[in-house]
PDB file of N, CA and C in Angstrom:
ATOM      1  N   MET A   1     -34.794 -19.480   1.559  1.00  0.00           N
ATOM      2  CA  MET A   1     -34.804 -18.479   2.397  1.00  0.00           C
ATOM      3  C   MET A   1     -33.403 -17.978   3.213  1.00  0.00           C
ATOM      4  N   GLN A   2     -33.676 -16.912   3.248  1.00  0.00           N
ATOM      5  CA  GLN A   2     -31.993 -16.211   3.737  1.00  0.00           C
ATOM      6  C   GLN A   2     -31.897 -15.994   5.281  1.00  0.00           C
ATOM      7  N   ILE A   3     -31.289 -16.151   6.287  1.00  0.00           N
ATOM      8  CA  ILE A   3     -31.575 -15.754   7.366  1.00  0.00           C
ATOM      9  C   ILE A   3     -30.013 -14.818   7.645  1.00  0.00           C
ATOM     10  N   ALA A   4     -30.661 -13.532   8.210  1.00  0.00           N
ATOM     11  CA  ALA A   4     -29.604 -12.519   8.541  1.00  0.00           C
ATOM     12  C   ALA A   4     -28.857 -12.904   9.624  1.00  0.00           C
ATOM     13  N   THR A   5     -27.684 -12.599   9.715  1.00  0.00           N
ATOM     14  CA  THR A   5     -26.900 -12.708  11.054  1.00  0.00           C
ATOM     15  C   THR A   5     -25.996 -11.816  11.183  1.00  0.00           C
ATOM     16  N   THR A   6     -25.963 -11.523  12.663  1.00  0.00           N
ATOM     17  CA  THR A   6     -25.069 -10.496  12.756  1.00  0.00           C
ATOM     18  C   THR A   6     -23.684 -11.129  13.299  1.00  0.00           C
ATOM     19  N   ALA A   7     -22.746  -9.772  13.131  1.00  0.00           N
ATOM     20  CA  ALA A   7     -21.304 -10.422  13.585  1.00  0.00           C
ATOM     21  C   ALA A   7     -20.510  -9.300  14.169  1.00  0.00           C
ATOM     22  N   SER A   8     -19.819  -9.703  15.096  1.00  0.00           N
ATOM     23  CA  SER A   8     -19.004  -8.634  15.635  1.00  0.00           C
ATOM     24  C   SER A   8     -17.862  -8.323  15.304  1.00  0.00           C
ATOM     25  N   SER A   9     -17.788  -6.929  15.463  1.00  0.00           N
ATOM     26  CA  SER A   9     -16.173  -6.291  14.625  1.00  0.00           C
ATOM     27  C   SER A   9     -15.014  -7.277  14.606  1.00  0.00           C
ATOM     28  N   ARG A  10     -15.447  -8.044  15.990  1.00  0.00           N
ATOM     29  CA  ARG A  10     -14.116  -8.942  16.214  1.00  0.00           C
ATOM     30  C   ARG A  10     -14.148  -9.945  14.953  1.00  0.00           C
ATOM     31  N   MET A  11     -15.364 -10.481  14.635  1.00  0.00           N
ATOM     32  CA  MET A  11     -15.123 -11.739  13.482  1.00  0.00           C
ATOM     33  C   MET A  11     -14.962 -10.541  12.261  1.00  0.00           C
ATOM     34  N   ILE A  12     -15.429  -9.588  12.072  1.00  0.00           N
ATOM     35  CA  ILE A  12     -15.218  -9.114  10.759  1.00  0.00           C
ATOM     36  C   ILE A  12     -13.947  -8.842  10.352  1.00  0.00           C
ATOM     37  N   ARG A  13     -12.977  -8.717  11.592  1.00  0.00           N
ATOM     38  CA  ARG A  13     -11.484  -8.302  11.008  1.00  0.00           C
ATOM     39  C   ARG A  13     -10.913  -9.604  11.047  1.00  0.00           C
ATOM     40  N   GLN A  14     -11.247 -10.383  11.596  1.00  0.00           N
ATOM     41  CA  GLN A  14     -10.430 -11.884  11.441  1.00  0.00           C
ATOM     42  C   GLN A  14      -9.906 -12.256  10.166  1.00  0.00           C
ATOM     43  N   PRO A  15     -10.774 -12.167   8.986  1.00  0.00           N
ATOM     44  CA  PRO A  15      -9.808 -12.642   7.670  1.00  0.00           C
ATOM     45  C   PRO A  15      -8.894 -11.688   7.457  1.00  0.00           C
ATOM     46  N   GLY A  16      -8.982 -10.605   7.899  1.00  0.00           N
ATOM     47  CA  GLY A  16      -7.764  -9.706   7.368  1.00  0.00           C
ATOM     48  C   GLY A  16      -6.179 -10.123   8.350  1.00  0.00           C
ATOM     49  N   VAL A  17      -6.526 -10.397   9.732  1.00  0.00           N
ATOM     50  CA  VAL A  17      -5.363 -10.821  10.141  1.00  0.00           C
ATOM     51  C   VAL A  17      -4.797 -12.338   9.479  1.00  0.00           C
ATOM     52  N   ARG A  18      -5.499 -13.116   9.104  1.00  0.00           N
ATOM     53  CA  ARG A  18      -5.415 -14.110   8.425  1.00  0.00           C
ATOM     54  C   ARG A  18      -4.398 -14.039   7.497  1.00  0.00           C
ATOM     55  N   ALA A  19      -4.891 -12.896   6.472  1.00  0.00           N
ATOM     56  CA  ALA A  19      -4.172 -12.731   5.447  1.00  0.00           C
ATOM     57  C   ALA A  19      -2.912 -12.206   5.571  1.00  0.00           C
ATOM     58  N   LEU A  20      -2.594 -11.548   6.592  1.00  0.00           N
ATOM     59  CA  LEU A  20      -1.349 -11.216   7.087  1.00  0.00           C
ATOM     60  C   LEU A  20      -0.668 -12.168   7.748  1.00  0.00           C
ATOM     61  N   GLY A  21      -1.126 -13.349   8.120  1.00  0.00           N
ATOM     62  CA  GLY A  21      -0.487 -14.035   8.957  1.00  0.00           C
ATOM     63  C   GLY A  21       0.370 -14.866   8.234  1.00  0.00           C
ATOM     64  N   ALA A  22       0.473 -14.617   6.748  1.00  0.00           N
ATOM     65  CA  ALA A  22       1.294 -15.651   5.813  1.00  0.00           C
ATOM     66  C   ALA A  22       2.857 -14.912   6.294  1.00  0.00           C
ATOM     67  N   PHE A  23       3.377 -13.890   6.313  1.00  0.00           N
ATOM     68  CA  PHE A  23       4.410 -13.367   6.717  1.00  0.00           C
ATOM     69  C   PHE A  23       4.707 -13.194   8.282  1.00  0.00           C
ATOM     70  N   SER A  24       4.092 -13.723   9.278  1.00  0.00           N
ATOM     71  CA  SER A  24       4.553 -12.910  10.429  1.00  0.00           C
ATOM     72  C   SER A  24       5.395 -14.118  11.327  1.00  0.00           C
ATOM     73  N   GLY A  25       6.101 -13.797  12.060  1.00  0.00           N
ATOM     74  CA  GLY A  25       6.764 -14.529  12.950  1.00  0.00           C
ATOM     75  C   GLY A  25       8.418 -14.442  11.654  1.00  0.00           C
ATOM     76  N   PRO A  26       9.220 -15.354  12.793  1.00  0.00           N
ATOM     77  CA  PRO A  26      10.391 -15.655  12.061  1.00  0.00           C
ATOM     78  C   PRO A  26      10.510 -16.235  10.870  1.00  0.00           C
ATOM     79  N   ARG A  27       9.710 -16.988  10.584  1.00  0.00           N
ATOM     80  CA  ARG A  27       9.536 -17.830   9.550  1.00  0.00           C
ATOM     81  C   ARG A  27       8.919 -17.160   8.390  1.00  0.00           C
ATOM     82  N   GLY A  28       7.906 -16.258   8.690  1.00  0.00           N
ATOM     83  CA  GLY A  28       7.632 -14.986   7.777  1.00  0.00           C
ATOM     84  C   GLY A  28       8.383 -14.413   7.263  1.00  0.00           C
ATOM     85  N   LEU A  29       9.436 -13.931   8.180  1.00  0.00           N
ATOM     86  CA  LEU A  29      10.384 -12.921   7.589  1.00  0.00           C
ATOM     87  C   LEU A  29      11.316 -13.335   6.702  1.00  0.00           C
ATOM     88  N   ALA A  30      11.849 -14.955   7.256  1.00  0.00           N
ATOM     89  CA  ALA A  30      12.694 -15.193   6.489  1.00  0.00           C
ATOM     90  C   ALA A  30      11.971 -15.634   5.140  1.00  0.00           C
ATOM     91  N   ARG A  31      11.047 -16.125   5.087  1.00  0.00           N
ATOM     92  CA  ARG A  31      10.007 -16.322   3.451  1.00  0.00           C
ATOM     93  C   ARG A  31       9.790 -14.797   2.793  1.00  0.00           C
ATOM     94  N   PHE A  32       9.256 -13.542   3.254  1.00  0.00           N
ATOM     95  CA  PHE A  32       9.754 -12.492   2.748  1.00  0.00           C
ATOM     96  C   PHE A  32      10.530 -12.296   2.192  1.00  0.00           C
ATOM     97  N   ARG A  33      11.947 -12.243   2.972  1.00  0.00           N
ATOM     98  CA  ARG A  33      13.170 -12.031   2.719  1.00  0.00           C
ATOM     99  C   ARG A  33      13.591 -12.809   1.421  1.00  0.00           C
ATOM    100  N   ARG A  34      13.388 -14.176   1.451  1.00  0.00           N
ATOM    101  CA  ARG A  34      13.723 -15.278   0.216  1.00  0.00           C
ATOM    102  C   ARG A  34      12.898 -14.591  -0.846  1.00  0.00           C
ATOM    103  N   PHE A  35      11.622 -14.094  -1.054  1.00  0.00           N
ATOM    104  CA  PHE A  35      11.049 -13.587  -1.890  1.00  0.00           C
ATOM    105  C   PHE A  35      11.448 -12.585  -2.935  1.00  0.00           C
ATOM    106  N   ILE A  36      11.937 -11.379  -1.594  1.00  0.00           N
ATOM    107  CA  ILE A  36      12.408 -10.245  -2.057  1.00  0.00           C
ATOM    108  C   ILE A  36      13.859 -10.616  -3.058  1.00  0.00           C
ATOM    109  N   GLU A  37      14.601 -11.428  -2.430  1.00  0.00           N
ATOM    110  CA  GLU A  37      16.101 -11.538  -2.989  1.00  0.00           C
ATOM    111  C   GLU A  37      15.724 -12.397  -4.142  1.00  0.00           C
ATOM    112  N   THR A  38      14.966 -13.410  -4.363  1.00  0.00           N
ATOM    113  CA  THR A  38      14.811 -14.362  -5.279  1.00  0.00           C
ATOM    114  C   THR A  38      14.103 -13.997  -6.685  1.00  0.00           C
ATOM    115  N   THR A  39      13.102 -13.106  -6.589  1.00  0.00           N
ATOM    116  CA  THR A  39      12.270 -12.472  -7.338  1.00  0.00           C
ATOM    117  C   THR A  39      12.816 -11.029  -8.242  1.00  0.00           C
ATOM    118  N   ASP A  40      12.089 -11.053  -9.494  1.00  0.00           N
ATOM    119  CA  ASP A  40      12.564  -9.937  -9.778  1.00  0.00           C
ATOM    120  C   ASP A  40      11.422  -8.730  -9.646  1.00  0.00           C
ATOM    121  N   TRP A  41      11.002  -8.681  -8.628  1.00  0.00           N
ATOM    122  CA  TRP A  41       9.673  -7.911  -8.197  1.00  0.00           C
ATOM    123  C   TRP A  41      10.110  -6.225  -8.557  1.00  0.00           C
ATOM    124  N   GLU A  42      11.369  -5.796  -8.724  1.00  0.00           N
ATOM    125  CA  GLU A  42      11.711  -4.378  -8.553  1.00  0.00           C
ATOM    126  C   GLU A  42      11.519  -4.131 -10.343  1.00  0.00           C
ATOM    127  N   LYS A  43      11.685  -4.975 -10.957  1.00  0.00           N
ATOM    128  CA  LYS A  43      11.768  -4.951 -13.085  1.00  0.00           C
ATOM    129  C   LYS A  43      10.330  -5.003 -13.194  1.00  0.00           C
ATOM    130  N   ARG A  44       9.309  -5.636 -12.521  1.00  0.00           N
ATOM    131  CA  ARG A  44       7.947  -6.342 -12.500  1.00  0.00           C
ATOM    132  C   ARG A  44       7.137  -4.970 -12.164  1.00  0.00           C
ATOM    133  N   TYR A  45       7.519  -4.487 -11.297  1.00  0.00           N
ATOM    134  CA  TYR A  45       6.460  -3.435 -10.197  1.00  0.00           C
ATOM    135  C   TYR A  45       6.841  -1.900 -10.354  1.00  0.00           C
ATOM    136  N   LEU A  46       8.339  -1.868 -10.009  1.00  0.00           N
ATOM    137  CA  LEU A  46       8.914  -0.281 -10.171  1.00  0.00           C
ATOM    138  C   LEU A  46       9.200   0.231 -11.339  1.00  0.00           C
ATOM    139  N   CYS A  47       9.391  -0.823 -12.221  1.00  0.00           N
ATOM    140  CA  CYS A  47       9.860  -0.517 -14.036  1.00  0.00           C
ATOM    141  C   CYS A  47       8.761  -0.631 -14.830  1.00  0.00           C
ATOM    142  N   HIS A  48       7.158  -0.042 -14.389  1.00  0.00           N
ATOM    143  CA  HIS A  48       6.371   0.245 -15.162  1.00  0.00           C
ATOM    144  C   HIS A  48       5.989   1.300 -15.578  1.00  0.00           C
ATOM    145  N   ARG A  49       5.600   1.605 -17.138  1.00  0.00           N
ATOM    146  CA  ARG A  49       5.312   2.842 -17.299  1.00  0.00           C
ATOM    147  C   ARG A  49       3.925   3.057 -16.825  1.00  0.00           C
ATOM    148  N   GLY A  50       2.952   2.402 -16.303  1.00  0.00           N
ATOM    149  CA  GLY A  50       1.785   2.828 -16.103  1.00  0.00           C
ATOM    150  C   GLY A  50       2.103   3.579 -14.515  1.00  0.00           C
ATOM    151  N   ILE A  51       2.765   2.742 -13.685  1.00  0.00           N
ATOM    152  CA  ILE A  51       2.949   2.879 -12.325  1.00  0.00           C
ATOM    153  C   ILE A  51       3.858   4.240 -12.225  1.00  0.00           C
ATOM    154  N   ASP A  52       5.005   4.526 -13.279  1.00  0.00           N
ATOM    155  CA  ASP A  52       5.451   5.725 -13.175  1.00  0.00           C
ATOM    156  C   ASP A  52       4.716   6.994 -13.492  1.00  0.00           C
ATOM    157  N   ARG A  53       3.545   6.655 -14.255  1.00  0.00           N
ATOM    158  CA  ARG A  53       2.798   8.107 -14.668  1.00  0.00           C
ATOM    159  C   ARG A  53       1.955   8.458 -13.686  1.00  0.00           C
ATOM    160  N   VAL A  54       1.368   7.391 -12.926  1.00  0.00           N
ATOM    161  CA  VAL A  54       0.503   7.388 -11.925  1.00  0.00           C
ATOM    162  C   VAL A  54       1.393   8.363 -10.712  1.00  0.00           C
ATOM    163  N   CYS A  55       2.543   7.857 -10.153  1.00  0.00           N
ATOM    164  CA  CYS A  55       3.412   8.618  -9.436  1.00  0.00           C
ATOM    165  C   CYS A  55       3.495   9.895  -9.762  1.00  0.00           C
ATOM    166  N   PHE A  56       3.573  10.166 -11.145  1.00  0.00           N
ATOM    167  CA  PHE A  56       4.385  11.627 -12.016  1.00  0.00           C
ATOM    168  C   PHE A  56       2.576  12.138 -11.477  1.00  0.00           C
ATOM    169  N   GLY A  57       1.553  11.615 -11.399  1.00  0.00           N
ATOM    170  CA  GLY A  57       0.245  12.516 -11.493  1.00  0.00           C
ATOM    171  C   GLY A  57       0.231  12.603 -10.025  1.00  0.00           C
ATOM    172  N   VAL A  58       0.478  11.930  -9.217  1.00  0.00           N
ATOM    173  CA  VAL A  58       0.374  12.364  -7.663  1.00  0.00           C
ATOM    174  C   VAL A  58       1.061  13.552  -7.074  1.00  0.00           C
ATOM    175  N   LEU A  59       2.385  13.699  -7.753  1.00  0.00           N
ATOM    176  CA  LEU A  59       3.321  14.446  -7.716  1.00  0.00           C
ATOM    177  C   LEU A  59       2.845  15.824  -7.896  1.00  0.00           C
ATOM    178  N   ILE A  60       2.122  15.900  -9.278  1.00  0.00           N
ATOM    179  CA  ILE A  60       1.915  17.315  -9.444  1.00  0.00           C
ATOM    180  C   ILE A  60       0.551  17.876  -8.860  1.00  0.00           C
ATOM    181  N   ALA A  61      -0.161  16.514  -8.551  1.00  0.00           N
ATOM    182  CA  ALA A  61      -1.329  16.832  -7.500  1.00  0.00           C
ATOM    183  C   ALA A  61      -1.105  17.444  -6.321  1.00  0.00           C
ATOM    184  N   ALA A  62      -0.151  17.005  -5.805  1.00  0.00           N
ATOM    185  CA  ALA A  62       0.488  17.253  -4.288  1.00  0.00           C
ATOM    186  C   ALA A  62       1.138  19.197  -4.454  1.00  0.00           C
ATOM    187  N   ALA A  63       2.047  19.083  -5.920  1.00  0.00           N
ATOM    188  CA  ALA A  63       2.486  20.547  -5.984  1.00  0.00           C
ATOM    189  C   ALA A  63       1.145  21.645  -5.949  1.00  0.00           C
ATOM    190  N   PHE A  64      -0.014  21.066  -6.836  1.00  0.00           N
ATOM    191  CA  PHE A  64      -0.897  22.007  -6.871  1.00  0.00           C
ATOM    192  C   PHE A  64      -1.922  22.282  -5.592  1.00  0.00           C
ATOM    193  N   TYR A  65      -1.983  21.011  -4.721  1.00  0.00           N
ATOM    194  CA  TYR A  65      -2.156  21.285  -3.188  1.00  0.00           C
ATOM    195  C   TYR A  65      -1.573  22.348  -2.328  1.00  0.00           C
ATOM    196  N   PHE A  66      -0.220  22.133  -2.402  1.00  0.00           N
ATOM    197  CA  PHE A  66       0.502  22.676  -1.551  1.00  0.00           C
ATOM    198  C   PHE A  66       1.173  24.069  -2.167  1.00  0.00           C
ATOM    199  N   VAL A  67       1.200  24.441  -3.246  1.00  0.00           N
ATOM    200  CA  VAL A  67       1.673  25.624  -3.923  1.00  0.00           C
ATOM    201  C   VAL A  67       0.751  27.040  -3.074  1.00  0.00           C
ATOM    202  N   PRO A  68      -0.368  26.963  -2.785  1.00  0.00           N
ATOM    203  CA  PRO A  68      -1.026  28.068  -2.469  1.00  0.00           C
ATOM    204  C   PRO A  68      -0.785  28.275  -0.961  1.00  0.00           C
ATOM    205  N   VAL A  69      -0.268  27.275   0.012  1.00  0.00           N
ATOM    206  CA  VAL A  69       0.177  27.261   1.280  1.00  0.00           C
ATOM    207  C   VAL A  69       1.356  27.752   1.048  1.00  0.00           C
ATOM    208  N   LEU A  70       2.340  27.654   0.457  1.00  0.00           N
ATOM    209  CA  LEU A  70       3.850  27.552   0.575  1.00  0.00           C
ATOM    210  C   LEU A  70       4.248  28.873  -0.200  1.00  0.00           C
ATOM    211  N   ALA A  71       3.481  29.285  -1.085  1.00  0.00           N
ATOM    212  CA  ALA A  71       3.914  30.502  -2.039  1.00  0.00           C
ATOM    213  C   ALA A  71       4.059  31.612  -1.387  1.00  0.00           C
ATOM    214  N   PRO A  72       2.605  32.002  -0.389  1.00  0.00           N
ATOM    215  CA  PRO A  72       2.996  33.394   0.485  1.00  0.00           C
ATOM    216  C   PRO A  72       3.722  33.085   1.387  1.00  0.00           C
ATOM    217  N   ARG A  73       4.489  31.982   1.791  1.00  0.00           N
ATOM    218  CA  ARG A  73       5.409  31.884   2.918  1.00  0.00           C
ATOM    219  C   ARG A  73       6.709  32.054   2.092  1.00  0.00           C
ATOM    220  N   LEU A  74       6.933  31.783   1.104  1.00  0.00           N
ATOM    221  CA  LEU A  74       8.115  31.634   0.362  1.00  0.00           C
ATOM    222  C   LEU A  74       8.435  33.335  -0.450  1.00  0.00           C
ATOM    223  N   LEU A  75       7.324  33.688  -0.681  1.00  0.00           N
ATOM    224  CA  LEU A  75       7.499  35.185  -1.192  1.00  0.00           C
ATOM    225  C   LEU A  75       7.429  36.413  -0.478  1.00  0.00           C
ATOM    226  N   GLY A  76       6.777  36.042   1.011  1.00  0.00           N
ATOM    227  CA  GLY A  76       6.785  37.274   1.677  1.00  0.00           C
ATOM    228  C   GLY A  76       7.182  37.178   2.739  1.00  0.00           C
TER     229      GLY A  76
END
């Protein structure tokens, strides 16, 4: 038998706070800086063909979204 319990919004938000606590404070900033300086994160994440395609798709979608708004102002 399962018992349903209720939780306040404060209790629901706590796991997110704990997850972010890994890099909080002065020691956390030092750990984050060391991670950035010692790993090859830019080669692994920024130079990825799939990420490049997604970013290009977002740019094209943004262009289609803003053309109807900007075209009359630029042409008129």
